[in-house]
Amino acid sequence: MKIVKVQYAKTHRSALLHGVERGEEIVISRADQPAAKLGRIDASCERELGVRRVRAS
């Protein structure tokens, strides 16, 4: 697992995404505290992005 600072992640976003596509996990930290984790998503996920389902009351 690779750990990078926020500024590095902002500057090298494309390179980090290439690493994630190869299977790397990357943790983004702010002030030495983990803030986010980048990793591959399951390709079989059937989620439809951008659609919000609202339940009738």
N, C-alpha and C. Protein backbone atom coordinates (compact mmCIF):
# COMPACT_ATOMS: atom_id res chain seq x y z
N MET A 1 0.85 -1.17 0.00
CA MET A 1 0.00 0.00 0.00
C MET A 1 0.90 1.23 0.00
N LYS A 2 0.57 2.16 -0.88
CA LYS A 2 1.34 3.39 -1.02
C LYS A 2 0.60 4.52 -0.28
N ILE A 3 1.34 5.34 0.46
CA ILE A 3 0.75 6.46 1.18
C ILE A 3 1.31 7.75 0.60
N VAL A 4 0.40 8.67 0.22
CA VAL A 4 0.82 9.95 -0.37
C VAL A 4 0.09 11.09 0.32
N LYS A 5 0.65 12.26 0.26
CA LYS A 5 0.03 13.47 0.80
C LYS A 5 -1.00 14.02 -0.20
N VAL A 6 -1.92 14.84 0.28
CA VAL A 6 -2.97 15.41 -0.56
C VAL A 6 -2.39 16.18 -1.74
N GLN A 7 -1.41 17.02 -1.51
CA GLN A 7 -0.84 17.83 -2.59
C GLN A 7 -0.24 16.94 -3.67
N TYR A 8 0.46 15.87 -3.27
CA TYR A 8 1.03 14.94 -4.25
C TYR A 8 -0.08 14.28 -5.05
N ALA A 9 -1.15 13.88 -4.39
CA ALA A 9 -2.28 13.24 -5.07
C ALA A 9 -2.92 14.18 -6.08
N LYS A 10 -3.03 15.46 -5.73
CA LYS A 10 -3.61 16.44 -6.65
C LYS A 10 -2.72 16.61 -7.88
N THR A 11 -1.42 16.63 -7.66
CA THR A 11 -0.47 16.87 -8.75
C THR A 11 -0.28 15.64 -9.63
N HIS A 12 -0.35 14.45 -9.06
CA HIS A 12 -0.05 13.21 -9.79
C HIS A 12 -1.26 12.29 -9.91
N ARG A 13 -2.43 12.88 -10.01
CA ARG A 13 -3.69 12.12 -10.07
C ARG A 13 -3.69 11.04 -11.15
N SER A 14 -3.26 11.35 -12.36
CA SER A 14 -3.29 10.37 -13.45
C SER A 14 -2.37 9.19 -13.16
N ALA A 15 -1.18 9.46 -12.67
CA ALA A 15 -0.23 8.39 -12.35
C ALA A 15 -0.78 7.50 -11.24
N LEU A 16 -1.42 8.09 -10.26
CA LEU A 16 -1.99 7.31 -9.17
C LEU A 16 -3.12 6.41 -9.69
N LEU A 17 -3.94 6.93 -10.59
CA LEU A 17 -5.02 6.12 -11.16
C LEU A 17 -4.48 4.96 -11.99
N HIS A 18 -3.37 5.18 -12.69
CA HIS A 18 -2.74 4.07 -13.43
C HIS A 18 -2.31 2.98 -12.46
N GLY A 19 -1.76 3.37 -11.32
CA GLY A 19 -1.37 2.40 -10.31
C GLY A 19 -2.56 1.63 -9.77
N VAL A 20 -3.66 2.33 -9.54
CA VAL A 20 -4.88 1.68 -9.05
C VAL A 20 -5.39 0.68 -10.09
N GLU A 21 -5.33 1.04 -11.36
CA GLU A 21 -5.75 0.13 -12.42
C GLU A 21 -4.90 -1.14 -12.44
N ARG A 22 -3.66 -1.04 -12.01
CA ARG A 22 -2.76 -2.20 -11.93
C ARG A 22 -2.96 -2.99 -10.64
N GLY A 23 -3.85 -2.52 -9.76
CA GLY A 23 -4.15 -3.25 -8.54
C GLY A 23 -3.56 -2.67 -7.27
N GLU A 24 -2.84 -1.57 -7.35
CA GLU A 24 -2.29 -0.94 -6.15
C GLU A 24 -3.39 -0.31 -5.32
N GLU A 25 -3.19 -0.25 -4.01
CA GLU A 25 -4.06 0.52 -3.13
C GLU A 25 -3.26 1.73 -2.67
N ILE A 26 -3.89 2.89 -2.69
CA ILE A 26 -3.21 4.13 -2.34
C ILE A 26 -4.01 4.85 -1.27
N VAL A 27 -3.32 5.25 -0.20
CA VAL A 27 -3.94 6.01 0.87
C VAL A 27 -3.48 7.46 0.74
N ILE A 28 -4.44 8.37 0.78
CA ILE A 28 -4.14 9.80 0.73
C ILE A 28 -4.25 10.32 2.15
N SER A 29 -3.19 11.00 2.60
CA SER A 29 -3.19 11.48 3.98
C SER A 29 -3.12 13.00 4.04
N ARG A 30 -3.68 13.52 5.11
CA ARG A 30 -3.63 14.96 5.40
C ARG A 30 -3.06 15.09 6.80
N ALA A 31 -1.97 15.80 6.91
CA ALA A 31 -1.30 15.99 8.21
C ALA A 31 -1.00 14.64 8.87
N ASP A 32 -0.49 13.71 8.09
CA ASP A 32 -0.10 12.38 8.56
C ASP A 32 -1.26 11.54 9.08
N GLN A 33 -2.48 11.92 8.77
CA GLN A 33 -3.66 11.14 9.14
C GLN A 33 -4.34 10.66 7.86
N PRO A 34 -4.62 9.36 7.73
CA PRO A 34 -5.29 8.86 6.53
C PRO A 34 -6.63 9.57 6.32
N ALA A 35 -6.86 10.01 5.08
CA ALA A 35 -8.10 10.73 4.76
C ALA A 35 -8.95 9.98 3.74
N ALA A 36 -8.29 9.24 2.82
CA ALA A 36 -9.03 8.53 1.78
C ALA A 36 -8.19 7.37 1.28
N LYS A 37 -8.87 6.40 0.68
CA LYS A 37 -8.18 5.25 0.11
C LYS A 37 -8.66 5.05 -1.31
N LEU A 38 -7.71 4.92 -2.24
CA LEU A 38 -8.03 4.63 -3.63
C LEU A 38 -7.79 3.15 -3.88
N GLY A 39 -8.73 2.52 -4.54
CA GLY A 39 -8.59 1.11 -4.88
C GLY A 39 -9.53 0.76 -6.01
N ARG A 40 -9.30 -0.40 -6.59
CA ARG A 40 -10.15 -0.85 -7.70
C ARG A 40 -11.56 -1.13 -7.22
N ILE A 41 -12.51 -0.94 -8.10
CA ILE A 41 -13.90 -1.31 -7.80
C ILE A 41 -14.21 -2.62 -8.50
N ASP A 42 -15.18 -3.32 -8.01
CA ASP A 42 -15.59 -4.58 -8.61
C ASP A 42 -16.27 -4.31 -9.94
N ALA A 43 -15.73 -4.85 -11.02
CA ALA A 43 -16.26 -4.61 -12.37
C ALA A 43 -17.66 -5.18 -12.53
N SER A 44 -18.04 -6.14 -11.71
CA SER A 44 -19.37 -6.75 -11.84
C SER A 44 -20.45 -5.94 -11.13
N CYS A 45 -20.06 -4.82 -10.56
CA CYS A 45 -21.01 -3.96 -9.85
C CYS A 45 -22.05 -3.43 -10.82
N GLU A 46 -23.32 -3.61 -10.50
CA GLU A 46 -24.41 -3.21 -11.39
C GLU A 46 -24.99 -1.84 -11.02
N ARG A 47 -24.23 -1.01 -10.36
CA ARG A 47 -24.71 0.28 -9.91
C ARG A 47 -24.84 1.25 -11.07
N GLU A 48 -25.96 1.94 -11.14
CA GLU A 48 -26.19 2.94 -12.17
C GLU A 48 -25.86 4.30 -11.56
N LEU A 49 -24.78 4.89 -12.02
CA LEU A 49 -24.32 6.15 -11.44
C LEU A 49 -25.20 7.31 -11.86
N GLY A 50 -25.39 8.25 -10.97
CA GLY A 50 -26.12 9.47 -11.28
C GLY A 50 -27.62 9.35 -11.12
N VAL A 51 -28.11 8.21 -10.68
CA VAL A 51 -29.55 8.02 -10.53
C VAL A 51 -29.86 7.84 -9.06
N ARG A 52 -30.76 8.65 -8.58
CA ARG A 52 -31.16 8.56 -7.18
C ARG A 52 -32.59 8.09 -7.11
N ARG A 53 -32.80 7.02 -6.40
CA ARG A 53 -34.14 6.49 -6.25
C ARG A 53 -34.76 7.07 -4.99
N VAL A 54 -35.96 7.60 -5.13
CA VAL A 54 -36.66 8.21 -4.01
C VAL A 54 -37.86 7.35 -3.67
N ARG A 55 -38.00 7.01 -2.39
CA ARG A 55 -39.14 6.22 -1.95
C ARG A 55 -40.36 7.12 -1.76
N ALA A 56 -41.49 6.60 -2.15
CA ALA A 56 -42.74 7.35 -1.92
C ALA A 56 -43.11 7.26 -0.46
N SER A 57 -43.57 8.36 0.13
CA SER A 57 -43.92 8.37 1.57
C SER A 57 -45.29 7.83 1.78
